Amino acid sequence: VRENVRVGAHAFARGGFLAQALALPLARRSEREIA
């Protein structure tokens, strides 16, 4: 359930693919906000 809901929130994830792949600070902060 948690993962399904997070999928919806990822529509507004910040940082882009590269930031997510490299786990840059902006991407990590975005993941915390999504969670």
PDB file of all heavy atoms in Angstrom:
ATOM      1  N   VAL A   1       0.844  -1.196   0.000  1.00  0.00           N
ATOM      2  CA  VAL A   1       0.000   0.000   0.000  1.00  0.00           C
ATOM      3  C   VAL A   1       0.880   1.247   0.000  1.00  0.00           C
ATOM      4  O   VAL A   1       0.673   2.186  -0.772  1.00  0.00           O
ATOM      5  CB  VAL A   1      -0.935  -0.011   1.226  1.00  0.00           C
ATOM      6  CG1 VAL A   1      -1.617   1.344   1.394  1.00  0.00           C
ATOM      7  CG2 VAL A   1      -1.958  -1.127   1.104  1.00  0.00           C
ATOM      8  N   ARG A   2       1.879   1.262   0.868  1.00  0.00           N
ATOM      9  CA  ARG A   2       2.761   2.427   0.982  1.00  0.00           C
ATOM     10  C   ARG A   2       3.463   2.716  -0.347  1.00  0.00           C
ATOM     11  O   ARG A   2       3.559   3.855  -0.782  1.00  0.00           O
ATOM     12  CB  ARG A   2       3.794   2.179   2.090  1.00  0.00           C
ATOM     13  CG  ARG A   2       4.543   3.425   2.519  1.00  0.00           C
ATOM     14  CD  ARG A   2       5.598   3.077   3.565  1.00  0.00           C
ATOM     15  NE  ARG A   2       5.079   2.281   4.660  1.00  0.00           N
ATOM     16  CZ  ARG A   2       4.449   2.781   5.702  1.00  0.00           C
ATOM     17  NH1 ARG A   2       4.248   4.081   5.791  1.00  0.00           N
ATOM     18  NH2 ARG A   2       4.011   1.987   6.667  1.00  0.00           N
ATOM     19  N   GLU A   3       3.941   1.663  -1.004  1.00  0.00           N
ATOM     20  CA  GLU A   3       4.634   1.836  -2.279  1.00  0.00           C
ATOM     21  C   GLU A   3       3.694   2.341  -3.363  1.00  0.00           C
ATOM     22  O   GLU A   3       4.078   3.181  -4.188  1.00  0.00           O
ATOM     23  CB  GLU A   3       5.277   0.514  -2.702  1.00  0.00           C
ATOM     24  CG  GLU A   3       6.457   0.111  -1.836  1.00  0.00           C
ATOM     25  CD  GLU A   3       6.889  -1.326  -2.055  1.00  0.00           C
ATOM     26  OE1 GLU A   3       6.042  -2.160  -2.462  1.00  0.00           O
ATOM     27  OE2 GLU A   3       8.065  -1.630  -1.799  1.00  0.00           O
ATOM     28  N   ASN A   4       2.459   1.856  -3.381  1.00  0.00           N
ATOM     29  CA  ASN A   4       1.488   2.333  -4.364  1.00  0.00           C
ATOM     30  C   ASN A   4       1.195   3.810  -4.192  1.00  0.00           C
ATOM     31  O   ASN A   4       1.105   4.564  -5.164  1.00  0.00           O
ATOM     32  CB  ASN A   4       0.192   1.523  -4.252  1.00  0.00           C
ATOM     33  CG  ASN A   4       0.165   0.313  -5.154  1.00  0.00           C
ATOM     34  OD1 ASN A   4      -0.229   0.383  -6.307  1.00  0.00           O
ATOM     35  ND2 ASN A   4       0.609  -0.821  -4.607  1.00  0.00           N
ATOM     36  N   VAL A   5       1.053   4.244  -2.946  1.00  0.00           N
ATOM     37  CA  VAL A   5       0.760   5.655  -2.697  1.00  0.00           C
ATOM     38  C   VAL A   5       1.970   6.509  -3.064  1.00  0.00           C
ATOM     39  O   VAL A   5       1.833   7.604  -3.629  1.00  0.00           O
ATOM     40  CB  VAL A   5       0.347   5.882  -1.233  1.00  0.00           C
ATOM     41  CG1 VAL A   5       0.111   7.368  -0.964  1.00  0.00           C
ATOM     42  CG2 VAL A   5      -0.924   5.085  -0.922  1.00  0.00           C
ATOM     43  N   ARG A   6       3.158   6.018  -2.795  1.00  0.00           N
ATOM     44  CA  ARG A   6       4.365   6.767  -3.151  1.00  0.00           C
ATOM     45  C   ARG A   6       4.493   6.940  -4.659  1.00  0.00           C
ATOM     46  O   ARG A   6       5.045   7.945  -5.124  1.00  0.00           O
ATOM     47  CB  ARG A   6       5.608   6.069  -2.592  1.00  0.00           C
ATOM     48  CG  ARG A   6       5.779   6.233  -1.087  1.00  0.00           C
ATOM     49  CD  ARG A   6       7.080   5.621  -0.614  1.00  0.00           C
ATOM     50  NE  ARG A   6       7.250   5.768   0.819  1.00  0.00           N
ATOM     51  CZ  ARG A   6       8.335   5.387   1.484  1.00  0.00           C
ATOM     52  NH1 ARG A   6       9.347   4.832   0.820  1.00  0.00           N
ATOM     53  NH2 ARG A   6       8.414   5.544   2.785  1.00  0.00           N
ATOM     54  N   VAL A   7       4.010   5.974  -5.416  1.00  0.00           N
ATOM     55  CA  VAL A   7       4.048   6.099  -6.876  1.00  0.00           C
ATOM     56  C   VAL A   7       3.316   7.362  -7.314  1.00  0.00           C
ATOM     57  O   VAL A   7       3.784   8.106  -8.185  1.00  0.00           O
ATOM     58  CB  VAL A   7       3.434   4.860  -7.556  1.00  0.00           C
ATOM     59  CG1 VAL A   7       3.146   5.126  -9.036  1.00  0.00           C
ATOM     60  CG2 VAL A   7       4.365   3.666  -7.424  1.00  0.00           C
ATOM     61  N   GLY A   8       2.157   7.631  -6.710  1.00  0.00           N
ATOM     62  CA  GLY A   8       1.420   8.843  -7.041  1.00  0.00           C
ATOM     63  C   GLY A   8       2.193  10.096  -6.693  1.00  0.00           C
ATOM     64  O   GLY A   8       2.219  11.060  -7.460  1.00  0.00           O
ATOM     65  N   ALA A   9       2.873  10.087  -5.551  1.00  0.00           N
ATOM     66  CA  ALA A   9       3.629  11.256  -5.121  1.00  0.00           C
ATOM     67  C   ALA A   9       4.853  11.493  -5.981  1.00  0.00           C
ATOM     68  O   ALA A   9       5.330  12.630  -6.114  1.00  0.00           O
ATOM     69  CB  ALA A   9       4.041  11.095  -3.660  1.00  0.00           C
ATOM     70  N   HIS A  10       5.375  10.468  -6.610  1.00  0.00           N
ATOM     71  CA  HIS A  10       6.583  10.615  -7.436  1.00  0.00           C
ATOM     72  C   HIS A  10       6.324  11.462  -8.679  1.00  0.00           C
ATOM     73  O   HIS A  10       7.276  11.862  -9.353  1.00  0.00           O
ATOM     74  CB  HIS A  10       7.123   9.244  -7.838  1.00  0.00           C
ATOM     75  CG  HIS A  10       8.162   8.725  -6.893  1.00  0.00           C
ATOM     76  ND1 HIS A  10       9.450   9.210  -6.867  1.00  0.00           N
ATOM     77  CD2 HIS A  10       8.086   7.777  -5.915  1.00  0.00           C
ATOM     78  CE1 HIS A  10      10.135   8.573  -5.932  1.00  0.00           C
ATOM     79  NE2 HIS A  10       9.348   7.703  -5.334  1.00  0.00           N
ATOM     80  N   ALA A  11       5.059  11.733  -8.981  1.00  0.00           N
ATOM     81  CA  ALA A  11       4.774  12.609 -10.119  1.00  0.00           C
ATOM     82  C   ALA A  11       5.399  13.982  -9.927  1.00  0.00           C
ATOM     83  O   ALA A  11       5.669  14.693 -10.896  1.00  0.00           O
ATOM     84  CB  ALA A  11       3.260  12.752 -10.306  1.00  0.00           C
ATOM     85  N   PHE A  12       5.655  14.355  -8.665  1.00  0.00           N
ATOM     86  CA  PHE A  12       6.242  15.664  -8.383  1.00  0.00           C
ATOM     87  C   PHE A  12       7.616  15.549  -7.730  1.00  0.00           C
ATOM     88  O   PHE A  12       8.059  16.472  -7.048  1.00  0.00           O
ATOM     89  CB  PHE A  12       5.304  16.474  -7.490  1.00  0.00           C
ATOM     90  CG  PHE A  12       4.030  16.831  -8.179  1.00  0.00           C
ATOM     91  CD1 PHE A  12       2.838  16.220  -7.832  1.00  0.00           C
ATOM     92  CD2 PHE A  12       4.028  17.752  -9.206  1.00  0.00           C
ATOM     93  CE1 PHE A  12       1.657  16.538  -8.485  1.00  0.00           C
ATOM     94  CE2 PHE A  12       2.849  18.072  -9.865  1.00  0.00           C
ATOM     95  CZ  PHE A  12       1.669  17.466  -9.502  1.00  0.00           C
ATOM     96  N   ALA A  13       8.275  14.412  -7.960  1.00  0.00           N
ATOM     97  CA  ALA A  13       9.628  14.259  -7.414  1.00  0.00           C
ATOM     98  C   ALA A  13      10.561  15.285  -8.040  1.00  0.00           C
ATOM     99  O   ALA A  13      10.477  15.588  -9.225  1.00  0.00           O
ATOM    100  CB  ALA A  13      10.143  12.846  -7.677  1.00  0.00           C
ATOM    101  N   ARG A  14      11.451  15.831  -7.225  1.00  0.00           N
ATOM    102  CA  ARG A  14      12.387  16.848  -7.708  1.00  0.00           C
ATOM    103  C   ARG A  14      13.758  16.223  -7.946  1.00  0.00           C
ATOM    104  O   ARG A  14      14.117  15.214  -7.352  1.00  0.00           O
ATOM    105  CB  ARG A  14      12.514  17.977  -6.679  1.00  0.00           C
ATOM    106  CG  ARG A  14      11.227  18.772  -6.488  1.00  0.00           C
ATOM    107  CD  ARG A  14      11.441  19.870  -5.480  1.00  0.00           C
ATOM    108  NE  ARG A  14      11.651  19.323  -4.140  1.00  0.00           N
ATOM    109  CZ  ARG A  14      12.137  20.020  -3.109  1.00  0.00           C
ATOM    110  NH1 ARG A  14      12.469  21.283  -3.278  1.00  0.00           N
ATOM    111  NH2 ARG A  14      12.288  19.456  -1.929  1.00  0.00           N
ATOM    112  N   GLY A  15      14.514  16.817  -8.855  1.00  0.00           N
ATOM    113  CA  GLY A  15      15.902  16.405  -9.045  1.00  0.00           C
ATOM    114  C   GLY A  15      16.151  15.645 -10.326  1.00  0.00           C
ATOM    115  O   GLY A  15      17.274  15.593 -10.809  1.00  0.00           O
ATOM    116  N   GLY A  16      15.132  15.007 -10.885  1.00  0.00           N
ATOM    117  CA  GLY A  16      15.317  14.310 -12.140  1.00  0.00           C
ATOM    118  C   GLY A  16      15.970  12.951 -11.973  1.00  0.00           C
ATOM    119  O   GLY A  16      16.392  12.545 -10.878  1.00  0.00           O
ATOM    120  N   PHE A  17      16.110  12.232 -13.091  1.00  0.00           N
ATOM    121  CA  PHE A  17      16.612  10.856 -13.063  1.00  0.00           C
ATOM    122  C   PHE A  17      18.041  10.786 -12.555  1.00  0.00           C
ATOM    123  O   PHE A  17      18.394   9.940 -11.728  1.00  0.00           O
ATOM    124  CB  PHE A  17      16.516  10.242 -14.471  1.00  0.00           C
ATOM    125  CG  PHE A  17      17.155   8.887 -14.574  1.00  0.00           C
ATOM    126  CD1 PHE A  17      16.492   7.764 -14.104  1.00  0.00           C
ATOM    127  CD2 PHE A  17      18.425   8.734 -15.113  1.00  0.00           C
ATOM    128  CE1 PHE A  17      17.083   6.507 -14.179  1.00  0.00           C
ATOM    129  CE2 PHE A  17      19.022   7.491 -15.193  1.00  0.00           C
ATOM    130  CZ  PHE A  17      18.345   6.370 -14.727  1.00  0.00           C
ATOM    131  N   LEU A  18      18.917  11.684 -13.045  1.00  0.00           N
ATOM    132  CA  LEU A  18      20.322  11.637 -12.663  1.00  0.00           C
ATOM    133  C   LEU A  18      20.496  11.871 -11.172  1.00  0.00           C
ATOM    134  O   LEU A  18      21.258  11.160 -10.498  1.00  0.00           O
ATOM    135  CB  LEU A  18      21.115  12.669 -13.464  1.00  0.00           C
ATOM    136  CG  LEU A  18      22.632  12.669 -13.230  1.00  0.00           C
ATOM    137  CD1 LEU A  18      23.224  11.315 -13.605  1.00  0.00           C
ATOM    138  CD2 LEU A  18      23.292  13.790 -14.030  1.00  0.00           C
ATOM    139  N   ALA A  19      19.755  12.857 -10.649  1.00  0.00           N
ATOM    140  CA  ALA A  19      19.850  13.145  -9.213  1.00  0.00           C
ATOM    141  C   ALA A  19      19.373  11.955  -8.388  1.00  0.00           C
ATOM    142  O   ALA A  19      19.957  11.619  -7.357  1.00  0.00           O
ATOM    143  CB  ALA A  19      19.035  14.388  -8.872  1.00  0.00           C
ATOM    144  N   GLN A  20      18.309  11.298  -8.876  1.00  0.00           N
ATOM    145  CA  GLN A  20      17.807  10.124  -8.168  1.00  0.00           C
ATOM    146  C   GLN A  20      18.834   8.998  -8.233  1.00  0.00           C
ATOM    147  O   GLN A  20      19.092   8.311  -7.238  1.00  0.00           O
ATOM    148  CB  GLN A  20      16.483   9.667  -8.796  1.00  0.00           C
ATOM    149  CG  GLN A  20      15.344  10.662  -8.681  1.00  0.00           C
ATOM    150  CD  GLN A  20      14.774  10.743  -7.286  1.00  0.00           C
ATOM    151  OE1 GLN A  20      14.851   9.790  -6.522  1.00  0.00           O
ATOM    152  NE2 GLN A  20      14.197  11.882  -6.943  1.00  0.00           N
ATOM    153  N   ALA A  21      19.411   8.761  -9.411  1.00  0.00           N
ATOM    154  CA  ALA A  21      20.351   7.660  -9.582  1.00  0.00           C
ATOM    155  C   ALA A  21      21.604   7.849  -8.725  1.00  0.00           C
ATOM    156  O   ALA A  21      22.157   6.885  -8.180  1.00  0.00           O
ATOM    157  CB  ALA A  21      20.736   7.539 -11.060  1.00  0.00           C
ATOM    158  N   LEU A  22      22.063   9.094  -8.584  1.00  0.00           N
ATOM    159  CA  LEU A  22      23.268   9.389  -7.817  1.00  0.00           C
ATOM    160  C   LEU A  22      22.982   9.696  -6.351  1.00  0.00           C
ATOM    161  O   LEU A  22      23.910   9.959  -5.580  1.00  0.00           O
ATOM    162  CB  LEU A  22      24.010  10.569  -8.451  1.00  0.00           C
ATOM    163  CG  LEU A  22      24.515  10.347  -9.882  1.00  0.00           C
ATOM    164  CD1 LEU A  22      25.164  11.611 -10.417  1.00  0.00           C
ATOM    165  CD2 LEU A  22      25.488   9.168  -9.932  1.00  0.00           C
ATOM    166  N   ALA A  23      21.690   9.671  -5.995  1.00  0.00           N
ATOM    167  CA  ALA A  23      21.274   9.951  -4.614  1.00  0.00           C
ATOM    168  C   ALA A  23      21.812  11.297  -4.125  1.00  0.00           C
ATOM    169  O   ALA A  23      22.351  11.424  -3.015  1.00  0.00           O
ATOM    170  CB  ALA A  23      21.718   8.830  -3.675  1.00  0.00           C
ATOM    171  N   LEU A  24      21.667  12.317  -4.982  1.00  0.00           N
ATOM    172  CA  LEU A  24      22.108  13.657  -4.622  1.00  0.00           C
ATOM    173  C   LEU A  24      21.218  14.221  -3.509  1.00  0.00           C
ATOM    174  O   LEU A  24      20.103  13.746  -3.289  1.00  0.00           O
ATOM    175  CB  LEU A  24      22.080  14.560  -5.851  1.00  0.00           C
ATOM    176  CG  LEU A  24      23.023  14.149  -6.995  1.00  0.00           C
ATOM    177  CD1 LEU A  24      22.879  15.115  -8.162  1.00  0.00           C
ATOM    178  CD2 LEU A  24      24.465  14.085  -6.512  1.00  0.00           C
ATOM    179  N   PRO A  25      21.704  15.243  -2.772  1.00  0.00           N
ATOM    180  CA  PRO A  25      20.938  15.777  -1.636  1.00  0.00           C
ATOM    181  C   PRO A  25      19.519  16.192  -2.002  1.00  0.00           C
ATOM    182  O   PRO A  25      18.589  15.942  -1.229  1.00  0.00           O
ATOM    183  CB  PRO A  25      21.782  16.975  -1.195  1.00  0.00           C
ATOM    184  CG  PRO A  25      23.174  16.605  -1.571  1.00  0.00           C
ATOM    185  CD  PRO A  25      23.052  15.848  -2.861  1.00  0.00           C
ATOM    186  N   LEU A  26      19.330  16.825  -3.170  1.00  0.00           N
ATOM    187  CA  LEU A  26      17.991  17.238  -3.567  1.00  0.00           C
ATOM    188  C   LEU A  26      17.074  16.029  -3.715  1.00  0.00           C
ATOM    189  O   LEU A  26      15.912  16.055  -3.295  1.00  0.00           O
ATOM    190  CB  LEU A  26      18.047  18.025  -4.886  1.00  0.00           C
ATOM    191  CG  LEU A  26      16.691  18.485  -5.451  1.00  0.00           C
ATOM    192  CD1 LEU A  26      15.995  19.418  -4.467  1.00  0.00           C
ATOM    193  CD2 LEU A  26      16.876  19.170  -6.797  1.00  0.00           C
ATOM    194  N   ALA A  27      17.614  14.949  -4.299  1.00  0.00           N
ATOM    195  CA  ALA A  27      16.821  13.740  -4.488  1.00  0.00           C
ATOM    196  C   ALA A  27      16.497  13.083  -3.148  1.00  0.00           C
ATOM    197  O   ALA A  27      15.385  12.607  -2.926  1.00  0.00           O
ATOM    198  CB  ALA A  27      17.566  12.758  -5.390  1.00  0.00           C
ATOM    199  N   ARG A  28      17.460  13.068  -2.238  1.00  0.00           N
ATOM    200  CA  ARG A  28      17.205  12.466  -0.920  1.00  0.00           C
ATOM    201  C   ARG A  28      16.150  13.258  -0.153  1.00  0.00           C
ATOM    202  O   ARG A  28      15.284  12.671   0.500  1.00  0.00           O
ATOM    203  CB  ARG A  28      18.514  12.396  -0.115  1.00  0.00           C
ATOM    204  CG  ARG A  28      19.541  11.427  -0.689  1.00  0.00           C
ATOM    205  CD  ARG A  28      20.581  11.059   0.360  1.00  0.00           C
ATOM    206  NE  ARG A  28      21.295  12.234   0.846  1.00  0.00           N
ATOM    207  CZ  ARG A  28      22.416  12.715   0.299  1.00  0.00           C
ATOM    208  NH1 ARG A  28      22.927  12.131  -0.771  1.00  0.00           N
ATOM    209  NH2 ARG A  28      23.018  13.770   0.826  1.00  0.00           N
ATOM    210  N   ARG A  29      16.222  14.595  -0.242  1.00  0.00           N
ATOM    211  CA  ARG A  29      15.226  15.430   0.420  1.00  0.00           C
ATOM    212  C   ARG A  29      13.839  15.189  -0.200  1.00  0.00           C
ATOM    213  O   ARG A  29      12.832  15.114   0.510  1.00  0.00           O
ATOM    214  CB  ARG A  29      15.614  16.898   0.311  1.00  0.00           C
ATOM    215  CG  ARG A  29      14.675  17.814   1.085  1.00  0.00           C
ATOM    216  CD  ARG A  29      15.301  19.176   1.325  1.00  0.00           C
ATOM    217  NE  ARG A  29      15.613  19.883   0.089  1.00  0.00           N
ATOM    218  CZ  ARG A  29      16.848  20.079  -0.376  1.00  0.00           C
ATOM    219  NH1 ARG A  29      17.902  19.606   0.288  1.00  0.00           N
ATOM    220  NH2 ARG A  29      17.048  20.740  -1.489  1.00  0.00           N
ATOM    221  N   SER A  30      13.799  15.061  -1.528  1.00  0.00           N
ATOM    222  CA  SER A  30      12.533  14.795  -2.213  1.00  0.00           C
ATOM    223  C   SER A  30      11.946  13.462  -1.769  1.00  0.00           C
ATOM    224  O   SER A  30      10.737  13.347  -1.549  1.00  0.00           O
ATOM    225  CB  SER A  30      12.758  14.802  -3.726  1.00  0.00           C
ATOM    226  OG  SER A  30      11.552  14.523  -4.412  1.00  0.00           O
ATOM    227  N   GLU A  31      12.794  12.447  -1.610  1.00  0.00           N
ATOM    228  CA  GLU A  31      12.315  11.133  -1.176  1.00  0.00           C
ATOM    229  C   GLU A  31      11.737  11.201   0.238  1.00  0.00           C
ATOM    230  O   GLU A  31      10.735  10.545   0.540  1.00  0.00           O
ATOM    231  CB  GLU A  31      13.450  10.107  -1.233  1.00  0.00           C
ATOM    232  CG  GLU A  31      13.776   9.623  -2.629  1.00  0.00           C
ATOM    233  CD  GLU A  31      12.604   8.902  -3.267  1.00  0.00           C
ATOM    234  OE1 GLU A  31      11.935   8.126  -2.575  1.00  0.00           O
ATOM    235  OE2 GLU A  31      12.348   9.142  -4.462  1.00  0.00           O
ATOM    236  N   ARG A  32      12.360  11.986   1.108  1.00  0.00           N
ATOM    237  CA  ARG A  32      11.828  12.136   2.466  1.00  0.00           C
ATOM    238  C   ARG A  32      10.460  12.822   2.436  1.00  0.00           C
ATOM    239  O   ARG A  32       9.552  12.443   3.192  1.00  0.00           O
ATOM    240  CB  ARG A  32      12.811  12.932   3.334  1.00  0.00           C
ATOM    241  CG  ARG A  32      14.088  12.189   3.682  1.00  0.00           C
ATOM    242  CD  ARG A  32      14.836  12.868   4.811  1.00  0.00           C
ATOM    243  NE  ARG A  32      15.290  14.207   4.455  1.00  0.00           N
ATOM    244  CZ  ARG A  32      16.463  14.479   3.886  1.00  0.00           C
ATOM    245  NH1 ARG A  32      17.296  13.504   3.580  1.00  0.00           N
ATOM    246  NH2 ARG A  32      16.797  15.735   3.619  1.00  0.00           N
ATOM    247  N   GLU A  33      10.327  13.834   1.584  1.00  0.00           N
ATOM    248  CA  GLU A  33       9.044  14.527   1.456  1.00  0.00           C
ATOM    249  C   GLU A  33       7.969  13.590   0.918  1.00  0.00           C
ATOM    250  O   GLU A  33       6.821  13.618   1.386  1.00  0.00           O
ATOM    251  CB  GLU A  33       9.205  15.739   0.536  1.00  0.00           C
ATOM    252  CG  GLU A  33      10.077  16.846   1.132  1.00  0.00           C
ATOM    253  CD  GLU A  33      10.406  17.921   0.116  1.00  0.00           C
ATOM    254  OE1 GLU A  33      10.046  17.749  -1.074  1.00  0.00           O
ATOM    255  OE2 GLU A  33      11.024  18.939   0.497  1.00  0.00           O
ATOM    256  N   ILE A  34       8.331  12.771  -0.061  1.00  0.00           N
ATOM    257  CA  ILE A  34       7.375  11.811  -0.628  1.00  0.00           C
ATOM    258  C   ILE A  34       6.943  10.800   0.426  1.00  0.00           C
ATOM    259  O   ILE A  34       5.760  10.463   0.542  1.00  0.00           O
ATOM    260  CB  ILE A  34       7.999  11.105  -1.847  1.00  0.00           C
ATOM    261  CG1 ILE A  34       8.062  12.066  -3.034  1.00  0.00           C
ATOM    262  CG2 ILE A  34       7.226   9.845  -2.224  1.00  0.00           C
ATOM    263  CD1 ILE A  34       8.851  11.543  -4.209  1.00  0.00           C
ATOM    264  N   ALA A  35       7.894  10.312   1.217  1.00  0.00           N
ATOM    265  CA  ALA A  35       7.567   9.349   2.264  1.00  0.00           C
ATOM    266  C   ALA A  35       6.617   9.946   3.295  1.00  0.00           C
ATOM    267  O   ALA A  35       5.655   9.302   3.731  1.00  0.00           O
ATOM    268  CB  ALA A  35       8.854   8.860   2.941  1.00  0.00           C
TER     269      ALA A  35
END
